[in-house]
N, C-alpha and C. Protein backbone atom coordinates (compact mmCIF):
# COMPACT_ATOMS: atom_id res chain seq x y z
N UNK A 1 1.24 24.00 32.73
CA UNK A 1 0.39 24.81 33.06
C UNK A 1 0.00 25.90 31.97
N UNK A 2 -1.05 26.14 31.52
CA UNK A 2 -1.15 27.08 30.31
C UNK A 2 -1.16 28.50 30.56
N UNK A 3 -1.26 29.48 29.97
CA UNK A 3 -1.18 31.02 30.27
C UNK A 3 -2.32 31.23 30.89
N UNK A 4 -3.56 30.94 30.41
CA UNK A 4 -4.76 31.22 31.02
C UNK A 4 -4.83 30.66 32.58
N UNK A 5 -4.43 29.62 32.74
CA UNK A 5 -4.22 29.06 34.20
C UNK A 5 -3.30 29.87 35.18
N UNK A 6 -2.11 30.10 34.47
CA UNK A 6 -1.09 31.08 35.14
C UNK A 6 -1.84 32.27 35.48
N UNK A 7 -2.43 33.19 34.48
CA UNK A 7 -2.99 34.41 34.91
C UNK A 7 -4.16 34.15 35.93
N UNK A 8 -4.73 33.18 35.91
CA UNK A 8 -5.74 33.02 37.12
C UNK A 8 -5.25 33.06 38.37
N UNK A 9 -3.84 32.18 38.50
CA UNK A 9 -3.21 32.39 39.77
C UNK A 9 -2.46 33.72 40.14
N UNK A 10 -2.30 34.21 38.96
CA UNK A 10 -1.43 35.82 39.35
C UNK A 10 -2.75 36.72 39.91
N UNK A 11 -4.03 36.35 39.14
CA UNK A 11 -5.19 37.18 39.73
C UNK A 11 -5.31 36.91 41.26
N UNK A 12 -5.19 35.48 41.51
CA UNK A 12 -5.38 35.24 42.88
C UNK A 12 -4.35 35.90 43.70
N UNK A 13 -3.22 35.89 43.45
CA UNK A 13 -2.12 36.60 44.13
C UNK A 13 -2.64 38.04 44.36
N UNK A 14 -2.91 38.67 43.32
CA UNK A 14 -3.18 40.22 43.40
C UNK A 14 -4.31 40.41 44.36
N UNK A 15 -5.41 39.61 44.21
CA UNK A 15 -6.53 39.65 45.07
C UNK A 15 -6.30 39.44 46.77
N UNK A 16 -5.38 38.61 46.67
CA UNK A 16 -4.91 38.10 48.14
C UNK A 16 -4.25 39.32 48.89
N UNK A 17 -3.41 39.87 47.96
CA UNK A 17 -2.47 40.89 48.77
C UNK A 17 -3.59 42.12 48.87
N UNK A 18 -4.55 42.29 48.21
CA UNK A 18 -5.32 43.57 48.54
C UNK A 18 -5.99 43.23 49.78
N UNK A 19 -6.59 42.01 49.95
CA UNK A 19 -7.34 41.56 50.87
C UNK A 19 -6.35 41.55 52.41
N UNK A 20 -5.14 41.10 52.30
CA UNK A 20 -4.14 41.11 53.32
C UNK A 20 -4.04 42.83 53.76
N UNK A 21 -3.91 43.62 52.73
CA UNK A 21 -3.99 44.91 53.00
C UNK A 21 -5.07 45.71 53.76
N UNK A 22 -6.38 45.39 53.17
CA UNK A 22 -7.60 45.92 53.97
C UNK A 22 -7.75 45.21 55.25
N UNK A 23 -7.32 44.11 55.42
CA UNK A 23 -7.55 43.40 56.80
C UNK A 23 -6.52 43.93 57.87
N UNK A 24 -5.54 44.91 57.46
CA UNK A 24 -4.50 45.15 58.14
C UNK A 24 -3.33 44.05 58.68
N UNK A 25 -3.40 43.26 57.62
CA UNK A 25 -2.17 42.09 57.95
C UNK A 25 -0.82 42.71 57.43
N UNK A 26 -0.83 43.68 56.69
CA UNK A 26 0.38 44.23 56.15
C UNK A 26 0.27 45.74 55.90
N UNK A 27 1.27 46.59 55.78
CA UNK A 27 1.32 48.10 55.45
C UNK A 27 2.23 48.21 54.40
N UNK A 28 1.81 48.81 53.42
CA UNK A 28 2.72 49.40 52.33
C UNK A 28 3.17 48.06 51.57
N UNK A 29 4.64 47.78 51.43
CA UNK A 29 4.97 46.88 50.73
C UNK A 29 5.41 45.42 51.70
N UNK A 30 5.33 45.53 52.69
CA UNK A 30 5.70 44.59 53.63
C UNK A 30 5.01 43.04 53.48
N UNK A 31 5.82 42.18 53.44
CA UNK A 31 4.98 40.66 53.38
C UNK A 31 5.29 40.47 51.73
N UNK A 32 5.02 39.17 51.79
CA UNK A 32 4.80 38.58 50.06
C UNK A 32 4.09 37.34 50.05
N UNK A 33 3.78 37.25 48.75
CA UNK A 33 2.68 36.22 48.46
C UNK A 33 3.26 35.34 47.12
N UNK A 34 3.38 33.97 47.38
CA UNK A 34 3.65 33.32 46.17
C UNK A 34 2.97 31.74 45.99
N UNK A 35 2.92 31.34 44.75
CA UNK A 35 2.38 30.04 44.40
C UNK A 35 3.05 29.14 43.68
N UNK A 36 3.16 27.97 44.06
CA UNK A 36 3.73 27.18 43.34
C UNK A 36 3.24 26.82 41.88
N UNK A 37 3.86 26.71 40.83
CA UNK A 37 3.18 26.52 39.58
C UNK A 37 3.09 24.90 39.52
N UNK A 38 2.06 24.19 39.73
CA UNK A 38 1.76 22.71 39.93
C UNK A 38 2.59 21.82 38.62
N UNK A 39 3.24 21.07 39.15
CA UNK A 39 3.90 20.02 38.17
C UNK A 39 5.35 20.63 37.45
N UNK A 40 5.64 21.81 37.93
CA UNK A 40 6.77 22.65 37.27
C UNK A 40 7.63 23.10 38.46
N UNK A 41 9.00 23.48 38.06
CA UNK A 41 10.02 23.95 38.81
C UNK A 41 9.93 25.40 38.83
N UNK A 42 8.65 26.02 39.05
CA UNK A 42 8.47 27.31 38.88
C UNK A 42 7.51 27.84 39.96
N UNK A 43 7.62 29.06 40.37
CA UNK A 43 6.63 29.62 41.41
C UNK A 43 6.30 31.13 40.70
N UNK A 44 5.06 31.41 41.25
CA UNK A 44 4.59 33.09 40.98
C UNK A 44 5.02 33.57 42.25
N UNK A 45 5.44 34.96 42.25
CA UNK A 45 5.78 35.69 43.37
C UNK A 45 5.45 37.13 43.41
N UNK A 46 5.11 37.76 44.29
CA UNK A 46 5.03 39.33 44.15
C UNK A 46 6.23 40.05 44.03
N UNK A 47 6.25 41.19 43.51
CA UNK A 47 7.34 41.89 43.56
C UNK A 47 7.94 42.57 44.51
N UNK A 48 9.04 42.91 44.78
CA UNK A 48 9.61 43.67 45.80
C UNK A 48 9.22 45.46 45.71
N UNK A 49 8.90 46.07 46.48
CA UNK A 49 8.63 47.42 46.84
C UNK A 49 7.35 47.80 45.93
N UNK A 50 6.46 47.16 45.92
CA UNK A 50 5.35 47.49 45.09
C UNK A 50 4.14 47.29 46.16
N UNK A 51 3.15 48.42 46.35
CA UNK A 51 2.34 48.60 47.35
C UNK A 51 1.13 47.45 46.89
N UNK A 52 0.50 46.82 47.74
CA UNK A 52 -0.66 45.75 47.43
C UNK A 52 -1.67 46.42 46.61
N UNK A 53 -1.86 47.65 47.04
CA UNK A 53 -3.08 48.39 46.34
C UNK A 53 -2.82 48.76 44.98
N UNK A 54 -1.34 48.73 44.60
CA UNK A 54 -0.94 49.24 43.25
C UNK A 54 -0.48 47.97 42.46
N UNK A 55 -0.70 46.83 42.98
CA UNK A 55 0.04 45.56 42.40
C UNK A 55 -1.02 45.17 41.42
N UNK A 56 -0.44 44.73 39.89
CA UNK A 56 -1.45 44.53 38.94
C UNK A 56 -0.92 43.12 38.55
N UNK A 57 -1.52 42.43 37.68
CA UNK A 57 -1.23 41.02 37.41
C UNK A 57 0.12 40.84 36.65
N UNK A 58 0.25 41.95 35.81
CA UNK A 58 1.67 41.95 35.05
C UNK A 58 2.77 42.21 36.13
N UNK A 59 2.81 42.54 37.32
CA UNK A 59 3.65 42.75 38.21
C UNK A 59 4.11 41.32 38.96
N UNK A 60 3.36 40.47 38.81
CA UNK A 60 3.73 39.17 39.45
C UNK A 60 4.88 38.43 38.54
N UNK A 61 5.79 37.93 39.18
CA UNK A 61 6.88 37.16 38.45
C UNK A 61 6.82 35.68 38.34
N UNK A 62 7.39 35.40 37.49
CA UNK A 62 7.61 33.95 37.31
C UNK A 62 9.10 33.38 37.61
N UNK A 63 9.44 32.85 38.56
CA UNK A 63 10.65 32.65 39.10
C UNK A 63 10.90 31.15 39.30
N UNK A 64 12.05 30.52 38.55
CA UNK A 64 12.50 29.28 38.78
C UNK A 64 13.01 28.93 40.21
N UNK A 65 13.50 27.62 40.57
CA UNK A 65 13.84 27.33 41.87
C UNK A 65 15.27 27.63 42.18
N UNK A 66 15.90 28.33 41.09
CA UNK A 66 17.33 28.67 41.33
C UNK A 66 17.15 30.27 41.39
N UNK A 67 16.14 30.73 41.62
CA UNK A 67 15.78 32.28 41.46
C UNK A 67 16.05 33.30 40.34
N UNK A 68 15.90 32.28 39.29
CA UNK A 68 16.17 33.27 38.01
C UNK A 68 14.81 33.57 37.70
N UNK A 69 14.68 35.02 37.40
CA UNK A 69 13.43 35.71 37.06
C UNK A 69 13.19 35.07 35.37
N UNK A 70 11.97 34.12 35.22
CA UNK A 70 11.70 33.87 34.01
C UNK A 70 10.78 34.79 33.23
N UNK A 71 9.83 35.65 33.93
CA UNK A 71 8.92 36.37 33.39
C UNK A 71 8.60 37.56 34.35
N UNK A 72 8.62 38.72 33.72
CA UNK A 72 8.22 39.80 34.58
C UNK A 72 9.38 40.92 34.48
N UNK A 73 8.98 42.11 34.64
CA UNK A 73 9.99 43.32 34.50
C UNK A 73 10.50 43.65 36.09
N UNK A 74 9.80 43.44 37.07
CA UNK A 74 10.22 44.02 38.44
C UNK A 74 11.17 43.05 38.85
N UNK A 75 11.58 43.45 40.14
CA UNK A 75 12.58 42.50 41.04
C UNK A 75 11.53 41.70 41.91
N UNK A 76 11.94 40.40 41.90
CA UNK A 76 11.17 39.54 42.74
C UNK A 76 11.24 40.08 44.24
N UNK A 77 10.27 39.59 45.25
CA UNK A 77 10.54 39.75 46.63
C UNK A 77 11.94 39.56 47.29
N UNK A 78 12.36 40.22 48.08
CA UNK A 78 13.52 39.83 48.65
C UNK A 78 13.56 38.70 49.28
N UNK A 79 12.47 38.15 49.57
CA UNK A 79 12.03 37.01 50.39
C UNK A 79 12.06 35.70 49.44
N UNK A 80 12.33 36.06 48.06
CA UNK A 80 12.14 34.61 47.23
C UNK A 80 12.73 33.32 47.60
N UNK A 81 14.10 33.64 48.11
CA UNK A 81 14.97 32.46 48.86
C UNK A 81 14.21 31.71 49.83
N UNK A 82 13.57 32.36 50.63
CA UNK A 82 12.83 31.72 51.71
C UNK A 82 11.55 30.78 51.14
N UNK A 83 11.09 31.54 50.19
CA UNK A 83 9.83 30.75 49.45
C UNK A 83 10.24 29.62 48.77
N UNK A 84 11.30 29.60 48.09
CA UNK A 84 12.30 28.60 47.31
C UNK A 84 12.29 27.61 48.22
N UNK A 85 13.19 28.10 49.30
CA UNK A 85 13.63 27.17 50.21
C UNK A 85 12.21 26.28 50.99
N UNK A 86 11.21 26.82 51.16
CA UNK A 86 10.00 26.03 51.79
C UNK A 86 9.53 25.36 50.58
N UNK A 87 9.38 25.56 49.32
CA UNK A 87 8.94 24.70 48.43
C UNK A 87 9.73 23.70 47.99
N UNK A 88 11.15 23.69 48.11
CA UNK A 88 12.22 22.66 47.91
C UNK A 88 11.77 21.62 48.90
N UNK A 89 11.84 22.15 50.34
CA UNK A 89 11.79 21.20 51.47
C UNK A 89 10.52 20.48 51.56
N UNK A 90 9.50 21.21 51.27
CA UNK A 90 7.95 20.80 51.31
C UNK A 90 7.24 20.66 50.01
N UNK A 91 7.63 19.74 49.27
CA UNK A 91 6.66 19.62 48.01
C UNK A 91 5.25 19.52 48.03
N UNK A 92 4.64 19.31 49.30
CA UNK A 92 3.47 19.43 49.61
C UNK A 92 2.79 20.69 49.83
N UNK A 93 3.49 21.71 49.88
CA UNK A 93 3.06 23.22 49.96
C UNK A 93 2.65 23.67 48.53
N UNK A 94 1.69 24.22 48.46
CA UNK A 94 1.20 24.79 47.15
C UNK A 94 1.53 26.42 47.17
N UNK A 95 1.25 27.15 48.25
CA UNK A 95 1.21 28.63 48.25
C UNK A 95 1.74 28.99 49.53
N UNK A 96 2.36 30.26 49.75
CA UNK A 96 2.85 30.74 50.76
C UNK A 96 2.50 32.35 51.14
N UNK A 97 2.01 32.67 52.09
CA UNK A 97 1.93 34.03 52.43
C UNK A 97 2.47 34.41 53.57
N UNK A 98 3.52 35.43 53.50
CA UNK A 98 4.19 35.81 54.60
C UNK A 98 3.98 37.19 54.89
N UNK A 99 3.17 37.66 56.09
CA UNK A 99 2.62 38.91 56.43
C UNK A 99 3.43 39.57 57.62
N UNK A 100 3.44 40.52 57.61
CA UNK A 100 3.97 41.47 58.94
C UNK A 100 2.86 42.32 59.60
N UNK A 101 1.99 41.87 59.99
CA UNK A 101 0.85 42.35 60.55
C UNK A 101 1.31 43.55 62.02
N UNK A 102 0.84 44.55 62.01
CA UNK A 102 1.19 45.54 63.14
C UNK A 102 1.38 44.90 64.45
N UNK A 103 0.27 44.23 64.74
CA UNK A 103 -0.08 43.58 66.02
C UNK A 103 1.29 42.57 66.41
N UNK A 104 1.37 41.52 65.22
CA UNK A 104 2.52 40.59 65.59
C UNK A 104 3.96 41.04 65.35
N UNK A 105 3.94 42.36 64.80
CA UNK A 105 5.29 42.97 64.94
C UNK A 105 5.56 43.41 66.03
N UNK A 106 4.58 44.20 66.56
CA UNK A 106 4.65 44.71 68.11
C UNK A 106 5.01 43.59 69.11
N UNK A 107 4.15 42.45 68.95
CA UNK A 107 4.65 41.48 69.98
C UNK A 107 5.65 40.78 69.97
N UNK A 108 6.28 40.71 68.75
CA UNK A 108 7.50 40.37 68.31
C UNK A 108 8.71 41.14 68.99
N UNK A 109 8.56 42.59 68.80
CA UNK A 109 9.46 43.33 69.40
C UNK A 109 9.67 43.15 70.99
N UNK A 110 8.75 42.70 71.67
CA UNK A 110 9.03 42.56 72.96
C UNK A 110 9.89 41.24 73.41
N UNK A 111 10.08 40.49 72.45
CA UNK A 111 11.24 39.32 72.53
C UNK A 111 10.81 38.25 73.38
N UNK A 112 9.56 38.24 73.71
CA UNK A 112 9.02 37.08 74.86
C UNK A 112 8.32 36.14 73.86
N UNK A 113 8.25 34.86 74.46
CA UNK A 113 7.43 33.84 73.95
C UNK A 113 5.88 34.15 74.34
N UNK A 114 5.15 33.52 73.83
CA UNK A 114 3.56 33.74 74.04
C UNK A 114 3.19 32.26 74.46
N UNK A 115 2.50 32.15 75.52
CA UNK A 115 2.02 30.84 76.15
C UNK A 115 0.89 30.37 75.25
N UNK A 116 0.86 29.21 75.37
CA UNK A 116 -0.17 28.44 74.68
C UNK A 116 -1.58 28.66 75.27
N UNK A 117 -2.32 29.76 74.77
CA UNK A 117 -3.66 30.29 75.31
C UNK A 117 -4.92 29.60 74.52
N UNK A 118 -4.52 28.64 73.54
CA UNK A 118 -5.75 27.75 73.00
C UNK A 118 -5.07 26.22 73.04
N UNK A 119 -6.15 25.46 73.18
CA UNK A 119 -5.57 23.87 73.12
C UNK A 119 -5.10 23.62 71.65
N UNK A 120 -5.57 24.47 70.56
CA UNK A 120 -5.15 24.26 69.44
C UNK A 120 -3.76 24.44 69.17
N UNK A 121 -3.34 25.37 69.83
CA UNK A 121 -1.89 25.99 69.64
C UNK A 121 -0.92 24.79 70.10
N UNK A 122 -1.15 24.05 71.24
CA UNK A 122 -0.66 23.02 71.80
C UNK A 122 -0.68 21.83 70.63
N UNK A 123 -1.90 21.49 70.27
CA UNK A 123 -2.05 20.51 69.05
C UNK A 123 -1.09 20.72 67.87
N UNK A 124 -1.04 21.96 67.29
CA UNK A 124 -0.58 22.31 66.13
C UNK A 124 1.06 22.57 66.41
N UNK A 125 1.52 23.23 67.34
CA UNK A 125 2.98 23.48 67.45
C UNK A 125 3.62 23.02 68.81
N UNK A 126 2.71 22.29 69.52
CA UNK A 126 3.39 21.57 70.64
C UNK A 126 3.74 22.55 71.78
N UNK A 127 3.15 23.72 71.91
CA UNK A 127 3.46 24.50 73.20
C UNK A 127 3.71 25.92 72.72
N UNK A 128 4.30 26.74 73.59
CA UNK A 128 4.27 28.09 73.35
C UNK A 128 5.06 28.55 72.10
N UNK A 129 4.51 29.68 71.64
CA UNK A 129 4.91 30.31 70.42
C UNK A 129 6.32 30.93 70.78
N UNK A 130 7.24 30.59 69.92
CA UNK A 130 8.78 31.36 70.03
C UNK A 130 8.75 32.52 69.30
N UNK A 131 9.71 33.34 69.46
CA UNK A 131 9.87 34.57 69.13
C UNK A 131 11.53 34.59 68.44
N UNK A 132 11.59 34.70 67.13
CA UNK A 132 13.03 34.84 66.70
C UNK A 132 13.79 35.90 67.38
N UNK A 133 15.25 35.73 67.48
CA UNK A 133 15.85 36.68 68.15
C UNK A 133 15.90 37.86 67.18
N UNK A 134 15.80 38.05 66.05
CA UNK A 134 15.72 39.10 65.17
C UNK A 134 14.04 38.78 64.86
N UNK A 135 13.31 39.58 65.63
CA UNK A 135 12.01 39.56 65.35
C UNK A 135 11.35 40.96 64.73
N UNK A 136 12.20 41.68 64.53
CA UNK A 136 11.90 42.78 64.12
C UNK A 136 12.60 43.35 62.97
């Protein structure tokens, strides 16, 4: 993939982060976004500890699947390993958005499962929504 295409993907990440912030899906620096560079063993990922409204194209890092930073001056998201694990396990996945919305975090803090309130939930995940033991 050439530099122009990579810069377009970086722009997409920056814009997605700003949308997440404005829609209330993240606060401050929580959450992260990555995109697989098609046909390569590299990903683009948001930096650690940079607020979405302050993130610029040059802040987006290029990382290989061994977590080595290939391009970028900042530290990659602390969740880089999770992103790489998903990309490695699921070659069909092209991008990942990991958000910590206030409402989802509040519900997770209760430590209770969520019943399937829509038929689509049953079709997609098979039943109730489980909450991880460490939800907060």
